[in-house]
C-alpha atoms as a PDB file:
ATOM      1  CA  UNK A   1     -28.943 -45.844 -42.657  1.00  0.00           C
ATOM      2  CA  UNK A   2     -28.722 -49.573 -43.271  1.00  0.00           C
ATOM      3  CA  UNK A   3     -29.505 -51.801 -46.212  1.00  0.00           C
ATOM      4  CA  UNK A   4     -31.247 -55.144 -46.265  1.00  0.00           C
ATOM      5  CA  UNK A   5     -30.185 -57.588 -48.974  1.00  0.00           C
ATOM      6  CA  UNK A   6     -33.222 -59.177 -50.610  1.00  0.00           C
ATOM      7  CA  UNK A   7     -31.367 -61.332 -53.149  1.00  0.00           C
ATOM      8  CA  UNK A   8     -27.875 -61.960 -54.611  1.00  0.00           C
ATOM      9  CA  UNK A   9     -27.115 -62.628 -58.278  1.00  0.00           C
ATOM     10  CA  UNK A  10     -23.711 -63.673 -59.699  1.00  0.00           C
ATOM     11  CA  UNK A  11     -22.140 -61.088 -61.991  1.00  0.00           C
ATOM     12  CA  UNK A  12     -21.216 -63.647 -64.648  1.00  0.00           C
ATOM     13  CA  UNK A  13     -24.685 -64.141 -66.106  1.00  0.00           C
ATOM     14  CA  UNK A  14     -25.382 -64.657 -69.818  1.00  0.00           C
ATOM     15  CA  UNK A  15     -24.933 -61.653 -72.085  1.00  0.00           C
ATOM     16  CA  UNK A  16     -28.070 -59.510 -72.225  1.00  0.00           C
ATOM     17  CA  UNK A  17     -29.482 -61.108 -69.082  1.00  0.00           C
ATOM     18  CA  UNK A  18     -30.281 -58.734 -66.208  1.00  0.00           C
ATOM     19  CA  UNK A  19     -31.805 -60.960 -63.490  1.00  0.00           C
ATOM     20  CA  UNK A  20     -30.989 -58.578 -60.627  1.00  0.00           C
ATOM     21  CA  UNK A  21     -32.630 -55.643 -62.425  1.00  0.00           C
ATOM     22  CA  UNK A  22     -35.668 -57.769 -63.268  1.00  0.00           C
ATOM     23  CA  UNK A  23     -36.002 -58.903 -59.649  1.00  0.00           C
ATOM     24  CA  UNK A  24     -35.642 -55.326 -58.350  1.00  0.00           C
ATOM     25  CA  UNK A  25     -38.197 -54.098 -60.910  1.00  0.00           C
ATOM     26  CA  UNK A  26     -40.708 -56.707 -59.763  1.00  0.00           C
ATOM     27  CA  UNK A  27     -40.189 -55.607 -56.135  1.00  0.00           C
ATOM     28  CA  UNK A  28     -40.691 -51.944 -57.124  1.00  0.00           C
ATOM     29  CA  UNK A  29     -43.982 -52.888 -58.798  1.00  0.00           C
ATOM     30  CA  UNK A  30     -44.997 -54.382 -55.419  1.00  0.00           C
ATOM     31  CA  UNK A  31     -44.188 -51.055 -53.744  1.00  0.00           C
ATOM     32  CA  UNK A  32     -40.812 -52.061 -52.278  1.00  0.00           C
ATOM     33  CA  UNK A  33     -38.109 -49.421 -53.021  1.00  0.00           C
ATOM     34  CA  UNK A  34     -35.528 -51.991 -54.179  1.00  0.00           C
ATOM     35  CA  UNK A  35     -32.384 -51.130 -56.114  1.00  0.00           C
ATOM     36  CA  UNK A  36     -29.356 -52.985 -57.449  1.00  0.00           C
ATOM     37  CA  UNK A  37     -25.805 -52.461 -56.180  1.00  0.00           C
ATOM     38  CA  UNK A  38     -22.563 -54.247 -57.050  1.00  0.00           C
ATOM     39  CA  UNK A  39     -20.588 -56.054 -54.352  1.00  0.00           C
ATOM     40  CA  UNK A  40     -17.064 -56.052 -55.771  1.00  0.00           C
ATOM     41  CA  UNK A  41     -15.637 -58.376 -53.106  1.00  0.00           C
ATOM     42  CA  UNK A  42     -18.049 -61.207 -53.944  1.00  0.00           C
ATOM     43  CA  UNK A  43     -18.453 -60.246 -57.637  1.00  0.00           C
ATOM     44  CA  UNK A  44     -22.232 -60.240 -57.296  1.00  0.00           C
ATOM     45  CA  UNK A  45     -25.171 -57.920 -57.837  1.00  0.00           C
ATOM     46  CA  UNK A  46     -27.248 -57.331 -54.712  1.00  0.00           C
ATOM     47  CA  UNK A  47     -30.875 -56.241 -54.658  1.00  0.00           C
ATOM     48  CA  UNK A  48     -31.153 -54.043 -51.578  1.00  0.00           C
ATOM     49  CA  UNK A  49     -33.699 -51.942 -49.725  1.00  0.00           C
ATOM     50  CA  UNK A  50     -32.538 -48.882 -47.802  1.00  0.00           C
ATOM     51  CA  UNK A  51     -33.871 -48.723 -44.258  1.00  0.00           C
ATOM     52  CA  UNK A  52     -33.910 -45.702 -42.039  1.00  0.00           C
ATOM     53  CA  UNK A  53     -33.646 -46.352 -38.321  1.00  0.00           C
ATOM     54  CA  UNK A  54     -36.935 -45.689 -36.532  1.00  0.00           C
ATOM     55  CA  UNK A  55     -37.171 -42.339 -34.809  1.00  0.00           C
ATOM     56  CA  UNK A  56     -36.415 -42.386 -31.145  1.00  0.00           C
ATOM     57  CA  UNK A  57     -38.737 -40.215 -29.161  1.00  0.00           C
ATOM     58  CA  UNK A  58     -39.661 -39.800 -25.550  1.00  0.00           C
ATOM     59  CA  UNK A  59     -43.024 -41.123 -24.444  1.00  0.00           C
ATOM     60  CA  UNK A  60     -44.096 -41.058 -20.847  1.00  0.00           C
ATOM     61  CA  UNK A  61     -40.527 -40.537 -19.667  1.00  0.00           C
ATOM     62  CA  UNK A  62     -38.934 -43.432 -21.566  1.00  0.00           C
ATOM     63  CA  UNK A  63     -37.257 -43.774 -24.951  1.00  0.00           C
ATOM     64  CA  UNK A  64     -39.049 -45.659 -27.716  1.00  0.00           C
ATOM     65  CA  UNK A  65     -37.096 -47.291 -30.541  1.00  0.00           C
ATOM     66  CA  UNK A  66     -34.773 -50.193 -31.203  1.00  0.00           C
ATOM     67  CA  UNK A  67     -32.910 -51.586 -28.216  1.00  0.00           C
ATOM     68  CA  UNK A  68     -29.145 -51.659 -28.130  1.00  0.00           C
ATOM     69  CA  UNK A  69     -27.768 -54.949 -29.381  1.00  0.00           C
ATOM     70  CA  UNK A  70     -31.013 -55.849 -31.138  1.00  0.00           C
ATOM     71  CA  UNK A  71     -30.375 -58.169 -34.098  1.00  0.00           C
ATOM     72  CA  UNK A  72     -31.133 -56.782 -37.508  1.00  0.00           C
ATOM     73  CA  UNK A  73     -31.258 -58.102 -41.050  1.00  0.00           C
ATOM     74  CA  UNK A  74     -28.033 -58.509 -43.038  1.00  0.00           C
ATOM     75  CA  UNK A  75     -26.282 -55.209 -43.704  1.00  0.00           C
ATOM     76  CA  UNK A  76     -24.079 -54.149 -46.590  1.00  0.00           C
ATOM     77  CA  UNK A  77     -21.014 -52.007 -45.973  1.00  0.00           C
ATOM     78  CA  UNK A  78     -21.120 -48.586 -47.597  1.00  0.00           C
END
């Protein structure tokens, strides 16, 4: 499973300010299953969407799904 980063927010925001949570909440209201994670290396909050790889299935004798080496959106290490 991979994650796509929608937005980054610095961790040093003003006290009581939750911009990453507000952004993720707005995306959830739009139907996007966004959530906030902390990237300790960059000291930032990331709004991410989990993505499952498409199912690979056989159709007419050939595999359907992403090709090897196909470029994808930015991923976050787990």
